[in-house]
Amino acid sequence: MTEQEKYMKAALKLAQKAADEGEVPVGAVVVCDGKIVGRGRNRRETKKNALHHAEIEAIEKACKKLGGWRLHRCDLYVTLEPCPMCAGALINARMKTVYYGAPDPKAGSCGSLINLFALPYNHQPALVSGVLEQECADILRNFFRELRKKRKEIRKLEKSRVEEQS
């Protein structure tokens, strides 16, 4: 197993934890000098706050642990291509390299929809895509398949209740 795979597996564990909590399964870790210094998972539903993306949580924890906001010696591993908000946070945190698993055609800001990292900011993290891409895509695909299945069952139950009342 490569170093990249090792850290992406750690992010995948966090993504699974998010899924188990009913959150969109995205996980992220910040790595500095070979050690995980920040972990995060999607918690928008749990926290009732649009800012609680995996990357933001991981950055926040890394900054706290390292005692500063400049993460120029750090890498971020995330299971899904960062959105515009998270891409901006990664640029502002001066992240050295961003590794992501699955592309996000709806909101990906590393090239799928737009590439914010290619704009002439004073810092551009290096990008590496496709790390354990299939595993990262599968956890999302399975989550949304189950979500659609549950919603379909709920609609079916609601329809049968309405018919019983008629």
Foldseek 3Di string as FASTA:
>chain_A
DDLLLVQLVVQQVQLVVCLVVVHQRKKKFKDAPRDTQFIADACCPVVVHPPRHGLNRRQVRNCVRVVHQAQLRIEMEMAEADFPVSQVSCQVSNHAEYEYAEYDCVGHQCPNPHPPLPDPDPHHHHYHYHRVNVSSVVSNVVSVVVVVVVVVVVVVVVVVVVVVVD
